[in-house]
Amino acid sequence: RDARHVTLSRDGQAWQEPYDALALATGSLAMRPPVPGIDRVGHFAPDSADTADKLHAWLAKRPVRGAAVLGASWEAIRWAQALQARGFDTALITESDRLAPACEAVQSTAVAQA
């Protein structure tokens, strides 16, 4: 932070970019896949604090033991970790062949092994 630069990488090449102010935007957007029944009660796309609050309240009122998180993005990984930390049997389900597919393969492998 004191150096006022960030290291970026793409396709195995790394470089540094200076900055005056830094804002990190993940670009994450919750998407509902075309799965029959996805809009039933108990299916959430936690894309906002309001939806996350609704999910939290819903879980507090029901004897839920397991959860499935659809996706492999950093956001999906964090949701799966949070649910698992709260004691839910959690599955992370993805069509991708790796976690965090927007990252380079070496980073995705490190995430999967963590």
C-alpha atoms as a PDB file:
ATOM      1  CA  ARG A   1       0.000   0.000   0.000  1.00  0.00           C
ATOM      2  CA  ASP A   2       2.780   2.429   0.843  1.00  0.00           C
ATOM      3  CA  ALA A   3       4.436   1.683  -2.498  1.00  0.00           C
ATOM      4  CA  ARG A   4       1.291   2.905  -4.283  1.00  0.00           C
ATOM      5  CA  HIS A   5       1.474   0.282  -6.998  1.00  0.00           C
ATOM      6  CA  VAL A   6      -0.267  -2.980  -7.726  1.00  0.00           C
ATOM      7  CA  THR A   7       1.181  -6.037  -9.464  1.00  0.00           C
ATOM      8  CA  LEU A   8      -0.980  -7.418 -12.280  1.00  0.00           C
ATOM      9  CA  SER A   9      -0.538 -10.552 -14.334  1.00  0.00           C
ATOM     10  CA  ARG A  10      -2.014 -12.116 -17.437  1.00  0.00           C
ATOM     11  CA  ASP A  11      -0.908 -15.138 -19.435  1.00  0.00           C
ATOM     12  CA  GLY A  12       2.185 -15.604 -17.278  1.00  0.00           C
ATOM     13  CA  GLN A  13       3.369 -12.009 -17.668  1.00  0.00           C
ATOM     14  CA  ALA A  14       3.497  -9.762 -14.584  1.00  0.00           C
ATOM     15  CA  TRP A  15       3.827  -5.992 -14.434  1.00  0.00           C
ATOM     16  CA  GLN A  16       3.303  -3.172 -11.960  1.00  0.00           C
ATOM     17  CA  GLU A  17       0.894  -0.285 -12.323  1.00  0.00           C
ATOM     18  CA  PRO A  18       1.068   2.859 -10.148  1.00  0.00           C
ATOM     19  CA  TYR A  19      -2.069   4.345  -8.629  1.00  0.00           C
ATOM     20  CA  ASP A  20      -3.219   7.386  -6.643  1.00  0.00           C
ATOM     21  CA  ALA A  21      -6.413   5.764  -5.353  1.00  0.00           C
ATOM     22  CA  LEU A  22      -7.376   2.113  -5.719  1.00  0.00           C
ATOM     23  CA  ALA A  23     -10.816   0.563  -5.958  1.00  0.00           C
ATOM     24  CA  LEU A  24     -11.138  -3.156  -6.633  1.00  0.00           C
ATOM     25  CA  ALA A  25     -14.319  -4.168  -8.430  1.00  0.00           C
ATOM     26  CA  THR A  26     -14.889  -7.888  -8.870  1.00  0.00           C
ATOM     27  CA  GLY A  27     -17.409  -7.540 -11.651  1.00  0.00           C
ATOM     28  CA  SER A  28     -19.380 -10.358 -10.095  1.00  0.00           C
ATOM     29  CA  LEU A  29     -22.998 -10.730 -11.111  1.00  0.00           C
ATOM     30  CA  ALA A  30     -25.242 -13.432  -9.690  1.00  0.00           C
ATOM     31  CA  MET A  31     -26.811 -15.477 -12.444  1.00  0.00           C
ATOM     32  CA  ARG A  32     -29.650 -17.940 -12.119  1.00  0.00           C
ATOM     33  CA  PRO A  33     -29.024 -20.954 -14.332  1.00  0.00           C
ATOM     34  CA  PRO A  34     -31.921 -22.403 -16.349  1.00  0.00           C
ATOM     35  CA  VAL A  35     -32.689 -25.149 -13.826  1.00  0.00           C
ATOM     36  CA  PRO A  36     -36.314 -26.204 -13.240  1.00  0.00           C
ATOM     37  CA  GLY A  37     -37.480 -25.045  -9.797  1.00  0.00           C
ATOM     38  CA  ILE A  38     -34.707 -22.493  -9.291  1.00  0.00           C
ATOM     39  CA  ASP A  39     -37.261 -19.837  -8.303  1.00  0.00           C
ATOM     40  CA  ARG A  40     -38.810 -21.919  -5.520  1.00  0.00           C
ATOM     41  CA  VAL A  41     -38.517 -20.885  -1.901  1.00  0.00           C
ATOM     42  CA  GLY A  42     -35.069 -21.707  -0.595  1.00  0.00           C
ATOM     43  CA  HIS A  43     -33.147 -20.740  -3.695  1.00  0.00           C
ATOM     44  CA  PHE A  44     -31.219 -17.498  -3.391  1.00  0.00           C
ATOM     45  CA  ALA A  45     -28.947 -15.463  -5.644  1.00  0.00           C
ATOM     46  CA  PRO A  46     -27.067 -13.499  -2.953  1.00  0.00           C
ATOM     47  CA  ASP A  47     -26.103 -10.562  -5.113  1.00  0.00           C
ATOM     48  CA  SER A  48     -26.870  -7.826  -2.603  1.00  0.00           C
ATOM     49  CA  ALA A  49     -26.839  -7.181   1.127  1.00  0.00           C
ATOM     50  CA  ASP A  50     -30.647  -7.301   1.098  1.00  0.00           C
ATOM     51  CA  THR A  51     -30.704 -10.778  -0.457  1.00  0.00           C
ATOM     52  CA  ALA A  52     -27.961 -11.941   1.922  1.00  0.00           C
ATOM     53  CA  ASP A  53     -30.059 -10.716   4.863  1.00  0.00           C
ATOM     54  CA  LYS A  54     -33.075 -12.633   3.516  1.00  0.00           C
ATOM     55  CA  LEU A  55     -30.964 -15.776   3.169  1.00  0.00           C
ATOM     56  CA  HIS A  56     -29.657 -15.387   6.724  1.00  0.00           C
ATOM     57  CA  ALA A  57     -33.207 -14.942   8.099  1.00  0.00           C
ATOM     58  CA  TRP A  58     -34.500 -17.902   6.066  1.00  0.00           C
ATOM     59  CA  LEU A  59     -31.725 -20.165   7.365  1.00  0.00           C
ATOM     60  CA  ALA A  60     -32.334 -19.094  10.962  1.00  0.00           C
ATOM     61  CA  LYS A  61     -35.960 -20.314  10.803  1.00  0.00           C
ATOM     62  CA  ARG A  62     -35.415 -23.743   9.218  1.00  0.00           C
ATOM     63  CA  PRO A  63     -33.586 -26.944  10.101  1.00  0.00           C
ATOM     64  CA  VAL A  64     -31.307 -26.788   7.068  1.00  0.00           C
ATOM     65  CA  ARG A  65     -28.263 -29.064   7.121  1.00  0.00           C
ATOM     66  CA  GLY A  66     -26.911 -28.682   3.621  1.00  0.00           C
ATOM     67  CA  ALA A  67     -26.388 -26.076   0.942  1.00  0.00           C
ATOM     68  CA  ALA A  68     -25.354 -26.055  -2.698  1.00  0.00           C
ATOM     69  CA  VAL A  69     -23.604 -23.059  -4.200  1.00  0.00           C
ATOM     70  CA  LEU A  70     -23.734 -22.846  -8.002  1.00  0.00           C
ATOM     71  CA  GLY A  71     -20.674 -21.326  -9.640  1.00  0.00           C
ATOM     72  CA  ALA A  72     -16.906 -21.232  -9.352  1.00  0.00           C
ATOM     73  CA  SER A  73     -16.234 -17.493  -9.044  1.00  0.00           C
ATOM     74  CA  TRP A  74     -14.481 -15.965  -6.055  1.00  0.00           C
ATOM     75  CA  GLU A  75     -17.903 -14.849  -4.811  1.00  0.00           C
ATOM     76  CA  ALA A  76     -19.278 -18.387  -5.023  1.00  0.00           C
ATOM     77  CA  ILE A  77     -16.206 -19.742  -3.233  1.00  0.00           C
ATOM     78  CA  ARG A  78     -16.628 -17.193  -0.430  1.00  0.00           C
ATOM     79  CA  TRP A  79     -20.325 -18.078  -0.054  1.00  0.00           C
ATOM     80  CA  ALA A  80     -19.485 -21.784   0.117  1.00  0.00           C
ATOM     81  CA  GLN A  81     -16.800 -21.102   2.743  1.00  0.00           C
ATOM     82  CA  ALA A  82     -19.189 -18.964   4.797  1.00  0.00           C
ATOM     83  CA  LEU A  83     -21.924 -21.615   4.740  1.00  0.00           C
ATOM     84  CA  GLN A  84     -19.446 -24.344   5.624  1.00  0.00           C
ATOM     85  CA  ALA A  85     -18.093 -22.217   8.498  1.00  0.00           C
ATOM     86  CA  ARG A  86     -21.665 -21.984   9.839  1.00  0.00           C
ATOM     87  CA  GLY A  87     -21.829 -25.783   9.938  1.00  0.00           C
ATOM     88  CA  PHE A  88     -23.683 -26.564   6.716  1.00  0.00           C
ATOM     89  CA  ASP A  89     -22.693 -29.523   4.548  1.00  0.00           C
ATOM     90  CA  THR A  90     -21.795 -27.480   1.489  1.00  0.00           C
ATOM     91  CA  ALA A  91     -21.287 -28.414  -2.148  1.00  0.00           C
ATOM     92  CA  LEU A  92     -19.804 -26.065  -4.724  1.00  0.00           C
ATOM     93  CA  ILE A  93     -21.247 -26.994  -8.129  1.00  0.00           C
ATOM     94  CA  THR A  94     -19.823 -25.652 -11.373  1.00  0.00           C
ATOM     95  CA  GLU A  95     -19.743 -26.329 -15.096  1.00  0.00           C
ATOM     96  CA  SER A  96     -16.176 -25.063 -15.196  1.00  0.00           C
ATOM     97  CA  ASP A  97     -13.248 -27.463 -15.134  1.00  0.00           C
ATOM     98  CA  ARG A  98     -11.629 -25.442 -12.328  1.00  0.00           C
ATOM     99  CA  LEU A  99     -12.347 -23.022  -9.492  1.00  0.00           C
ATOM    100  CA  ALA A 100     -11.989 -19.285 -10.098  1.00  0.00           C
ATOM    101  CA  PRO A 101     -11.889 -19.761 -13.891  1.00  0.00           C
ATOM    102  CA  ALA A 102     -11.289 -16.050 -14.500  1.00  0.00           C
ATOM    103  CA  CYS A 103      -7.850 -16.470 -12.905  1.00  0.00           C
ATOM    104  CA  GLU A 104      -4.779 -18.056 -14.384  1.00  0.00           C
ATOM    105  CA  ALA A 105      -4.596 -21.848 -14.083  1.00  0.00           C
ATOM    106  CA  VAL A 106      -1.880 -21.748 -11.404  1.00  0.00           C
ATOM    107  CA  GLN A 107      -4.074 -19.554  -9.169  1.00  0.00           C
ATOM    108  CA  SER A 108      -7.139 -21.756  -9.739  1.00  0.00           C
ATOM    109  CA  THR A 109      -5.106 -24.837  -8.780  1.00  0.00           C
ATOM    110  CA  ALA A 110      -3.938 -23.153  -5.576  1.00  0.00           C
ATOM    111  CA  VAL A 111      -7.531 -22.289  -4.667  1.00  0.00           C
ATOM    112  CA  ALA A 112      -8.695 -25.866  -5.276  1.00  0.00           C
ATOM    113  CA  GLN A 113      -5.908 -27.245  -3.089  1.00  0.00           C
ATOM    114  CA  ALA A 114      -6.585 -24.838  -0.192  1.00  0.00           C
END
